[in-house]
Amino acid sequence: EVEAAIKKQEEEAYINPELADARIKGNECFKSGDWANAVKFYSEALKRNPKDAKIFSNRAACYTKLNAFDLTIKDCDSSIALDPNFVKAYLRKANVLKAMGQTQKAMEVYAKAMELDPNSDEAKNGYKDCAVRQYSQKGSSDPEEVKSRAMNDPEVQQIMGD
């Protein structure tokens, strides 16, 4: 119990949003396509500033580029928990759910994004695309095959290339 208290005290002493310049380095790595190092810097920035929804969202974007969709969703959920009005986190989560073939869940998240930002074309188009997919869905429901089909979809590739 004492060790746990000491560890918590050390973590709290480490928190300092002004020293979260690792976020800037993360942004630079992301822009240059070095997503693995960007994840490292964003993770460091989160240790310094664990209540910054944008850092979680930025790291989620890296995880998307690295096809670590489960981690993308986890970071988007963390971002949304910190800032329930941060539309970009909803869009990232919905895009990944759509890429994973989870159209119903994606539609729910796109709907929430449209609630927050009725003018978001990305949310409207994503929702519409999911609705079309849902009604024309055919083939296997095997998750790996669905993921493979999604990754070969030109629109998904375009989303992943953004």
N, C-alpha and C. Protein backbone atom coordinates (compact mmCIF):
# COMPACT_ATOMS: atom_id res chain seq x y z
N GLU A 1 0.83 -1.20 0.00
CA GLU A 1 0.00 0.00 0.00
C GLU A 1 0.87 1.26 0.00
N VAL A 2 1.93 1.23 0.77
CA VAL A 2 2.85 2.37 0.82
C VAL A 2 3.51 2.56 -0.54
N GLU A 3 3.94 1.44 -1.14
CA GLU A 3 4.58 1.52 -2.47
C GLU A 3 3.62 2.09 -3.50
N ALA A 4 2.35 1.69 -3.45
CA ALA A 4 1.35 2.20 -4.38
C ALA A 4 1.18 3.71 -4.19
N ALA A 5 1.17 4.16 -2.94
CA ALA A 5 1.02 5.59 -2.65
C ALA A 5 2.23 6.37 -3.17
N ILE A 6 3.41 5.81 -3.00
CA ILE A 6 4.63 6.47 -3.49
C ILE A 6 4.61 6.56 -5.01
N LYS A 7 4.22 5.47 -5.66
CA LYS A 7 4.15 5.44 -7.13
C LYS A 7 3.16 6.50 -7.62
N LYS A 8 2.00 6.58 -6.99
CA LYS A 8 0.98 7.55 -7.38
C LYS A 8 1.52 8.97 -7.20
N GLN A 9 2.23 9.19 -6.10
CA GLN A 9 2.81 10.51 -5.83
C GLN A 9 3.83 10.88 -6.91
N GLU A 10 4.66 9.91 -7.30
CA GLU A 10 5.65 10.15 -8.35
C GLU A 10 4.97 10.48 -9.68
N GLU A 11 3.91 9.73 -10.02
CA GLU A 11 3.18 9.99 -11.27
C GLU A 11 2.58 11.39 -11.26
N GLU A 12 1.99 11.77 -10.13
CA GLU A 12 1.39 13.09 -10.03
C GLU A 12 2.44 14.19 -10.10
N ALA A 13 3.61 13.95 -9.55
CA ALA A 13 4.69 14.93 -9.61
C ALA A 13 5.19 15.10 -11.05
N TYR A 14 5.04 14.04 -11.85
CA TYR A 14 5.51 14.05 -13.24
C TYR A 14 4.56 14.85 -14.14
N ILE A 15 3.30 14.94 -13.73
CA ILE A 15 2.31 15.65 -14.55
C ILE A 15 2.65 17.13 -14.57
N ASN A 16 2.79 17.64 -15.80
CA ASN A 16 3.06 19.05 -15.97
C ASN A 16 2.75 19.41 -17.43
N PRO A 17 1.53 19.91 -17.69
CA PRO A 17 1.13 20.22 -19.06
C PRO A 17 2.09 21.14 -19.81
N GLU A 18 2.77 22.02 -19.07
CA GLU A 18 3.69 22.94 -19.75
C GLU A 18 4.91 22.22 -20.31
N LEU A 19 5.21 21.05 -19.76
CA LEU A 19 6.35 20.28 -20.25
C LEU A 19 5.94 19.22 -21.28
N ALA A 20 4.72 19.32 -21.76
CA ALA A 20 4.21 18.32 -22.70
C ALA A 20 4.64 18.64 -24.13
N ASP A 21 5.89 19.08 -24.31
CA ASP A 21 6.38 19.39 -25.65
C ASP A 21 6.58 18.12 -26.48
N ALA A 22 6.45 16.97 -25.84
CA ALA A 22 6.52 15.72 -26.59
C ALA A 22 5.38 15.67 -27.62
N ARG A 23 4.28 16.38 -27.34
CA ARG A 23 3.17 16.44 -28.29
C ARG A 23 3.62 17.07 -29.60
N ILE A 24 4.43 18.11 -29.49
CA ILE A 24 4.93 18.79 -30.69
C ILE A 24 5.81 17.84 -31.49
N LYS A 25 6.68 17.10 -30.79
CA LYS A 25 7.54 16.12 -31.46
C LYS A 25 6.68 15.02 -32.09
N GLY A 26 5.61 14.63 -31.39
CA GLY A 26 4.69 13.64 -31.93
C GLY A 26 4.05 14.13 -33.21
N ASN A 27 3.64 15.41 -33.22
CA ASN A 27 3.04 16.00 -34.42
C ASN A 27 4.03 15.98 -35.58
N GLU A 28 5.30 16.30 -35.29
CA GLU A 28 6.33 16.31 -36.34
C GLU A 28 6.52 14.90 -36.91
N CYS A 29 6.59 13.90 -36.02
CA CYS A 29 6.74 12.52 -36.48
C CYS A 29 5.55 12.09 -37.31
N PHE A 30 4.36 12.47 -36.87
CA PHE A 30 3.15 12.09 -37.60
C PHE A 30 3.19 12.67 -39.01
N LYS A 31 3.52 13.96 -39.11
CA LYS A 31 3.56 14.62 -40.42
C LYS A 31 4.57 13.98 -41.35
N SER A 32 5.65 13.45 -40.79
CA SER A 32 6.68 12.83 -41.64
C SER A 32 6.40 11.34 -41.87
N GLY A 33 5.29 10.83 -41.33
CA GLY A 33 4.93 9.43 -41.57
C GLY A 33 5.58 8.45 -40.62
N ASP A 34 6.24 8.95 -39.58
CA ASP A 34 6.89 8.08 -38.59
C ASP A 34 5.92 7.84 -37.44
N TRP A 35 4.90 7.00 -37.70
CA TRP A 35 3.81 6.84 -36.75
C TRP A 35 4.22 6.13 -35.48
N ALA A 36 5.14 5.19 -35.56
CA ALA A 36 5.57 4.47 -34.35
C ALA A 36 6.22 5.43 -33.35
N ASN A 37 7.10 6.30 -33.85
CA ASN A 37 7.73 7.28 -32.94
C ASN A 37 6.73 8.33 -32.48
N ALA A 38 5.78 8.66 -33.34
CA ALA A 38 4.74 9.61 -32.93
C ALA A 38 3.96 9.03 -31.74
N VAL A 39 3.66 7.73 -31.79
CA VAL A 39 2.97 7.08 -30.67
C VAL A 39 3.79 7.24 -29.40
N LYS A 40 5.11 7.03 -29.51
CA LYS A 40 5.99 7.16 -28.34
C LYS A 40 5.91 8.57 -27.75
N PHE A 41 5.99 9.58 -28.61
CA PHE A 41 5.97 10.96 -28.12
C PHE A 41 4.60 11.32 -27.55
N TYR A 42 3.52 10.89 -28.21
CA TYR A 42 2.19 11.18 -27.67
C TYR A 42 1.99 10.48 -26.33
N SER A 43 2.51 9.27 -26.20
CA SER A 43 2.40 8.55 -24.92
C SER A 43 3.13 9.32 -23.82
N GLU A 44 4.30 9.83 -24.16
CA GLU A 44 5.06 10.64 -23.20
C GLU A 44 4.29 11.92 -22.86
N ALA A 45 3.70 12.54 -23.87
CA ALA A 45 2.92 13.77 -23.64
C ALA A 45 1.73 13.48 -22.73
N LEU A 46 1.12 12.30 -22.88
CA LEU A 46 -0.01 11.94 -22.03
C LEU A 46 0.41 11.72 -20.58
N LYS A 47 1.64 11.27 -20.37
CA LYS A 47 2.14 11.14 -18.99
C LYS A 47 2.25 12.53 -18.36
N ARG A 48 2.63 13.50 -19.16
CA ARG A 48 2.78 14.88 -18.67
C ARG A 48 1.43 15.58 -18.55
N ASN A 49 0.50 15.23 -19.44
CA ASN A 49 -0.79 15.92 -19.49
C ASN A 49 -1.90 14.91 -19.79
N PRO A 50 -2.27 14.10 -18.80
CA PRO A 50 -3.21 13.00 -19.03
C PRO A 50 -4.66 13.41 -19.26
N LYS A 51 -4.93 14.69 -19.18
CA LYS A 51 -6.32 15.15 -19.36
C LYS A 51 -6.52 15.88 -20.69
N ASP A 52 -5.59 15.72 -21.62
CA ASP A 52 -5.69 16.39 -22.92
C ASP A 52 -6.31 15.46 -23.95
N ALA A 53 -7.57 15.71 -24.28
CA ALA A 53 -8.32 14.87 -25.22
C ALA A 53 -7.66 14.85 -26.60
N LYS A 54 -7.04 15.96 -27.00
CA LYS A 54 -6.43 16.04 -28.34
C LYS A 54 -5.24 15.10 -28.47
N ILE A 55 -4.48 14.94 -27.40
CA ILE A 55 -3.33 14.03 -27.47
C ILE A 55 -3.81 12.59 -27.65
N PHE A 56 -4.86 12.21 -26.93
CA PHE A 56 -5.43 10.87 -27.12
C PHE A 56 -5.89 10.70 -28.57
N SER A 57 -6.53 11.73 -29.10
CA SER A 57 -7.03 11.67 -30.47
C SER A 57 -5.88 11.57 -31.48
N ASN A 58 -4.82 12.32 -31.22
CA ASN A 58 -3.64 12.27 -32.11
C ASN A 58 -3.01 10.88 -32.09
N ARG A 59 -2.89 10.31 -30.88
CA ARG A 59 -2.31 8.97 -30.79
C ARG A 59 -3.23 7.96 -31.48
N ALA A 60 -4.53 8.17 -31.38
CA ALA A 60 -5.49 7.29 -32.06
C ALA A 60 -5.27 7.33 -33.57
N ALA A 61 -4.96 8.52 -34.10
CA ALA A 61 -4.69 8.64 -35.54
C ALA A 61 -3.46 7.81 -35.92
N CYS A 62 -2.46 7.82 -35.06
CA CYS A 62 -1.26 7.00 -35.30
C CYS A 62 -1.61 5.52 -35.31
N TYR A 63 -2.37 5.11 -34.31
CA TYR A 63 -2.78 3.70 -34.24
C TYR A 63 -3.56 3.29 -35.47
N THR A 64 -4.37 4.20 -36.01
CA THR A 64 -5.11 3.90 -37.24
C THR A 64 -4.13 3.64 -38.38
N LYS A 65 -3.14 4.50 -38.49
CA LYS A 65 -2.13 4.34 -39.55
C LYS A 65 -1.37 3.02 -39.39
N LEU A 66 -1.22 2.57 -38.15
CA LEU A 66 -0.50 1.32 -37.87
C LEU A 66 -1.44 0.11 -37.86
N ASN A 67 -2.71 0.34 -38.25
CA ASN A 67 -3.74 -0.71 -38.27
C ASN A 67 -3.96 -1.37 -36.90
N ALA A 68 -3.74 -0.62 -35.84
CA ALA A 68 -4.00 -1.12 -34.49
C ALA A 68 -5.37 -0.57 -34.07
N PHE A 69 -6.40 -1.11 -34.71
CA PHE A 69 -7.74 -0.55 -34.57
C PHE A 69 -8.28 -0.62 -33.14
N ASP A 70 -7.96 -1.69 -32.42
CA ASP A 70 -8.45 -1.79 -31.04
C ASP A 70 -7.88 -0.66 -30.18
N LEU A 71 -6.61 -0.31 -30.41
CA LEU A 71 -5.99 0.78 -29.66
C LEU A 71 -6.55 2.13 -30.10
N THR A 72 -6.88 2.24 -31.38
CA THR A 72 -7.51 3.48 -31.88
C THR A 72 -8.81 3.72 -31.12
N ILE A 73 -9.64 2.68 -31.04
CA ILE A 73 -10.94 2.82 -30.38
C ILE A 73 -10.76 3.17 -28.91
N LYS A 74 -9.79 2.51 -28.26
CA LYS A 74 -9.54 2.78 -26.84
C LYS A 74 -9.15 4.25 -26.63
N ASP A 75 -8.24 4.77 -27.47
CA ASP A 75 -7.81 6.17 -27.33
C ASP A 75 -8.94 7.14 -27.69
N CYS A 76 -9.75 6.80 -28.69
CA CYS A 76 -10.90 7.65 -29.02
C CYS A 76 -11.87 7.70 -27.85
N ASP A 77 -12.11 6.55 -27.22
CA ASP A 77 -12.99 6.52 -26.05
C ASP A 77 -12.43 7.38 -24.92
N SER A 78 -11.11 7.32 -24.71
CA SER A 78 -10.48 8.15 -23.67
C SER A 78 -10.64 9.63 -24.01
N SER A 79 -10.44 9.96 -25.28
CA SER A 79 -10.57 11.35 -25.73
C SER A 79 -12.00 11.85 -25.52
N ILE A 80 -12.98 11.01 -25.89
CA ILE A 80 -14.39 11.38 -25.74
C ILE A 80 -14.76 11.53 -24.26
N ALA A 81 -14.22 10.66 -23.42
CA ALA A 81 -14.50 10.74 -21.98
C ALA A 81 -14.00 12.07 -21.41
N LEU A 82 -12.86 12.53 -21.89
CA LEU A 82 -12.30 13.80 -21.40
C LEU A 82 -13.02 15.01 -21.98
N ASP A 83 -13.44 14.89 -23.26
CA ASP A 83 -14.11 16.00 -23.94
C ASP A 83 -15.24 15.45 -24.81
N PRO A 84 -16.43 15.31 -24.23
CA PRO A 84 -17.56 14.70 -24.96
C PRO A 84 -18.01 15.50 -26.19
N ASN A 85 -17.50 16.71 -26.37
CA ASN A 85 -17.87 17.52 -27.54
C ASN A 85 -16.79 17.56 -28.62
N PHE A 86 -15.76 16.74 -28.47
CA PHE A 86 -14.64 16.74 -29.43
C PHE A 86 -14.99 15.85 -30.62
N VAL A 87 -15.51 16.46 -31.67
CA VAL A 87 -16.05 15.75 -32.83
C VAL A 87 -15.00 14.87 -33.52
N LYS A 88 -13.77 15.36 -33.61
CA LYS A 88 -12.74 14.61 -34.32
C LYS A 88 -12.54 13.20 -33.74
N ALA A 89 -12.64 13.07 -32.43
CA ALA A 89 -12.49 11.75 -31.78
C ALA A 89 -13.61 10.81 -32.22
N TYR A 90 -14.83 11.35 -32.31
CA TYR A 90 -15.96 10.54 -32.77
C TYR A 90 -15.74 10.09 -34.23
N LEU A 91 -15.25 11.01 -35.05
CA LEU A 91 -15.04 10.68 -36.47
C LEU A 91 -13.96 9.62 -36.63
N ARG A 92 -12.88 9.76 -35.88
CA ARG A 92 -11.81 8.74 -35.95
C ARG A 92 -12.35 7.37 -35.54
N LYS A 93 -13.10 7.34 -34.46
CA LYS A 93 -13.65 6.08 -33.97
C LYS A 93 -14.61 5.48 -35.01
N ALA A 94 -15.50 6.30 -35.54
CA ALA A 94 -16.48 5.82 -36.52
C ALA A 94 -15.79 5.30 -37.78
N ASN A 95 -14.77 6.02 -38.25
CA ASN A 95 -14.05 5.58 -39.46
C ASN A 95 -13.41 4.21 -39.26
N VAL A 96 -12.86 3.99 -38.08
CA VAL A 96 -12.23 2.70 -37.79
C VAL A 96 -13.29 1.60 -37.67
N LEU A 97 -14.38 1.90 -36.98
CA LEU A 97 -15.46 0.90 -36.88
C LEU A 97 -15.96 0.53 -38.27
N LYS A 98 -16.08 1.53 -39.13
CA LYS A 98 -16.53 1.27 -40.50
C LYS A 98 -15.51 0.40 -41.23
N ALA A 99 -14.23 0.72 -41.06
CA ALA A 99 -13.18 -0.07 -41.71
C ALA A 99 -13.17 -1.51 -41.22
N MET A 100 -13.58 -1.71 -39.96
CA MET A 100 -13.62 -3.05 -39.37
C MET A 100 -14.90 -3.80 -39.77
N GLY A 101 -15.79 -3.12 -40.50
CA GLY A 101 -17.03 -3.75 -40.92
C GLY A 101 -18.13 -3.69 -39.87
N GLN A 102 -17.91 -2.92 -38.82
CA GLN A 102 -18.92 -2.80 -37.75
C GLN A 102 -19.81 -1.60 -38.07
N THR A 103 -20.61 -1.77 -39.15
CA THR A 103 -21.36 -0.63 -39.68
C THR A 103 -22.39 -0.08 -38.70
N GLN A 104 -23.08 -0.95 -37.97
CA GLN A 104 -24.10 -0.46 -37.04
C GLN A 104 -23.47 0.42 -35.95
N LYS A 105 -22.38 -0.05 -35.36
CA LYS A 105 -21.69 0.75 -34.33
C LYS A 105 -21.17 2.05 -34.94
N ALA A 106 -20.60 1.95 -36.15
CA ALA A 106 -20.07 3.15 -36.82
C ALA A 106 -21.18 4.17 -37.04
N MET A 107 -22.35 3.69 -37.48
CA MET A 107 -23.47 4.61 -37.71
C MET A 107 -23.87 5.34 -36.43
N GLU A 108 -23.85 4.63 -35.31
CA GLU A 108 -24.19 5.26 -34.03
C GLU A 108 -23.20 6.37 -33.68
N VAL A 109 -21.91 6.10 -33.94
CA VAL A 109 -20.88 7.11 -33.62
C VAL A 109 -20.95 8.28 -34.60
N TYR A 110 -21.18 7.98 -35.91
CA TYR A 110 -21.37 9.08 -36.87
C TYR A 110 -22.57 9.93 -36.49
N ALA A 111 -23.64 9.29 -36.02
CA ALA A 111 -24.85 10.03 -35.62
C ALA A 111 -24.53 10.99 -34.47
N LYS A 112 -23.73 10.53 -33.52
CA LYS A 112 -23.33 11.40 -32.40
C LYS A 112 -22.49 12.57 -32.91
N ALA A 113 -21.60 12.29 -33.86
CA ALA A 113 -20.78 13.37 -34.44
C ALA A 113 -21.66 14.39 -35.16
N MET A 114 -22.69 13.90 -35.87
CA MET A 114 -23.60 14.82 -36.57
C MET A 114 -24.42 15.65 -35.58
N GLU A 115 -24.74 15.04 -34.42
CA GLU A 115 -25.44 15.78 -33.36
C GLU A 115 -24.60 16.96 -32.90
N LEU A 116 -23.31 16.71 -32.73
CA LEU A 116 -22.40 17.75 -32.24
C LEU A 116 -22.06 18.77 -33.32
N ASP A 117 -21.94 18.29 -34.57
CA ASP A 117 -21.59 19.17 -35.69
C ASP A 117 -22.45 18.81 -36.90
N PRO A 118 -23.65 19.41 -37.00
CA PRO A 118 -24.58 19.09 -38.08
C PRO A 118 -24.02 19.38 -39.48
N ASN A 119 -22.95 20.18 -39.56
CA ASN A 119 -22.38 20.52 -40.86
C ASN A 119 -21.21 19.63 -41.27
N SER A 120 -20.92 18.61 -40.48
CA SER A 120 -19.76 17.75 -40.77
C SER A 120 -20.05 16.83 -41.96
N ASP A 121 -19.41 17.14 -43.09
CA ASP A 121 -19.58 16.29 -44.27
C ASP A 121 -19.02 14.90 -44.04
N GLU A 122 -17.92 14.83 -43.29
CA GLU A 122 -17.30 13.53 -43.01
C GLU A 122 -18.28 12.63 -42.26
N ALA A 123 -18.97 13.19 -41.28
CA ALA A 123 -19.94 12.41 -40.51
C ALA A 123 -21.13 12.00 -41.38
N LYS A 124 -21.65 12.95 -42.18
CA LYS A 124 -22.80 12.65 -43.04
C LYS A 124 -22.45 11.56 -44.06
N ASN A 125 -21.30 11.74 -44.72
CA ASN A 125 -20.90 10.76 -45.75
C ASN A 125 -20.60 9.40 -45.14
N GLY A 126 -19.97 9.39 -43.97
CA GLY A 126 -19.67 8.12 -43.31
C GLY A 126 -20.94 7.39 -42.93
N TYR A 127 -21.90 8.14 -42.41
CA TYR A 127 -23.17 7.54 -42.01
C TYR A 127 -23.89 6.97 -43.23
N LYS A 128 -23.92 7.77 -44.30
CA LYS A 128 -24.60 7.34 -45.53
C LYS A 128 -23.93 6.08 -46.10
N ASP A 129 -22.60 6.07 -46.11
CA ASP A 129 -21.86 4.92 -46.63
C ASP A 129 -22.16 3.66 -45.81
N CYS A 130 -22.21 3.82 -44.50
CA CYS A 130 -22.53 2.68 -43.63
C CYS A 130 -23.94 2.16 -43.90
N ALA A 131 -24.87 3.09 -44.09
CA ALA A 131 -26.26 2.69 -44.35
C ALA A 131 -26.33 1.89 -45.64
N VAL A 132 -25.65 2.36 -46.67
CA VAL A 132 -25.63 1.64 -47.96
C VAL A 132 -25.01 0.26 -47.77
N ARG A 133 -23.89 0.21 -47.06
CA ARG A 133 -23.22 -1.08 -46.83
C ARG A 133 -24.11 -2.05 -46.07
N GLN A 134 -24.82 -1.52 -45.10
CA GLN A 134 -25.65 -2.37 -44.27
C GLN A 134 -26.73 -3.06 -45.10
N TYR A 135 -27.28 -2.33 -46.06
CA TYR A 135 -28.36 -2.91 -46.85
C TYR A 135 -27.84 -3.77 -48.00
N SER A 136 -26.60 -3.58 -48.37
CA SER A 136 -26.08 -4.37 -49.48
C SER A 136 -25.01 -5.35 -49.02
N GLN A 137 -24.97 -5.60 -47.70
CA GLN A 137 -23.93 -6.47 -47.15
C GLN A 137 -24.15 -7.90 -47.62
N LYS A 138 -23.08 -8.45 -48.15
CA LYS A 138 -23.15 -9.84 -48.57
C LYS A 138 -21.81 -10.49 -48.25
N GLY A 139 -21.78 -11.80 -48.30
CA GLY A 139 -20.51 -12.50 -48.05
C GLY A 139 -20.41 -12.91 -46.60
N SER A 140 -19.22 -13.25 -46.24
CA SER A 140 -18.93 -13.85 -44.94
C SER A 140 -18.97 -12.83 -43.82
N SER A 141 -19.25 -13.31 -42.61
CA SER A 141 -19.18 -12.43 -41.45
C SER A 141 -17.93 -12.75 -40.62
N ASP A 142 -17.02 -13.53 -41.21
CA ASP A 142 -15.75 -13.84 -40.55
C ASP A 142 -14.98 -12.53 -40.35
N PRO A 143 -14.61 -12.19 -39.10
CA PRO A 143 -13.98 -10.89 -38.84
C PRO A 143 -12.73 -10.62 -39.68
N GLU A 144 -11.91 -11.64 -39.89
CA GLU A 144 -10.69 -11.42 -40.68
C GLU A 144 -11.02 -11.11 -42.14
N GLU A 145 -12.02 -11.84 -42.68
CA GLU A 145 -12.41 -11.59 -44.07
C GLU A 145 -13.05 -10.21 -44.20
N VAL A 146 -13.86 -9.84 -43.21
CA VAL A 146 -14.49 -8.52 -43.22
C VAL A 146 -13.41 -7.44 -43.17
N LYS A 147 -12.42 -7.63 -42.29
CA LYS A 147 -11.33 -6.65 -42.18
C LYS A 147 -10.55 -6.56 -43.49
N SER A 148 -10.30 -7.73 -44.10
CA SER A 148 -9.58 -7.77 -45.37
C SER A 148 -10.37 -7.04 -46.46
N ARG A 149 -11.68 -7.32 -46.52
CA ARG A 149 -12.54 -6.66 -47.51
C ARG A 149 -12.52 -5.16 -47.28
N ALA A 150 -12.61 -4.77 -46.02
CA ALA A 150 -12.63 -3.34 -45.70
C ALA A 150 -11.32 -2.67 -46.11
N MET A 151 -10.20 -3.32 -45.86
CA MET A 151 -8.90 -2.72 -46.18
C MET A 151 -8.68 -2.62 -47.69
N ASN A 152 -9.40 -3.43 -48.47
CA ASN A 152 -9.27 -3.38 -49.92
C ASN A 152 -10.26 -2.40 -50.56
N ASP A 153 -11.15 -1.86 -49.77
CA ASP A 153 -12.13 -0.90 -50.24
C ASP A 153 -11.41 0.43 -50.53
N PRO A 154 -11.55 0.95 -51.77
CA PRO A 154 -10.84 2.19 -52.12
C PRO A 154 -11.18 3.36 -51.20
N GLU A 155 -12.44 3.44 -50.75
CA GLU A 155 -12.82 4.54 -49.86
C GLU A 155 -12.14 4.42 -48.51
N VAL A 156 -12.05 3.18 -48.02
CA VAL A 156 -11.37 2.95 -46.74
C VAL A 156 -9.89 3.29 -46.89
N GLN A 157 -9.31 2.89 -48.02
CA GLN A 157 -7.91 3.21 -48.25
C GLN A 157 -7.70 4.71 -48.28
N GLN A 158 -8.66 5.41 -48.87
CA GLN A 158 -8.57 6.86 -48.91
C GLN A 158 -8.64 7.46 -47.50
N ILE A 159 -9.56 6.91 -46.68
CA ILE A 159 -9.68 7.38 -45.29
C ILE A 159 -8.37 7.11 -44.55
N MET A 160 -7.81 5.92 -44.76
CA MET A 160 -6.57 5.57 -44.08
C MET A 160 -5.40 6.40 -44.58
N GLY A 161 -5.49 6.90 -45.80
CA GLY A 161 -4.40 7.68 -46.37
C GLY A 161 -4.42 9.14 -45.98
N ASP A 162 -5.52 9.58 -45.34
CA ASP A 162 -5.62 11.00 -44.95
C ASP A 162 -4.58 11.35 -43.91
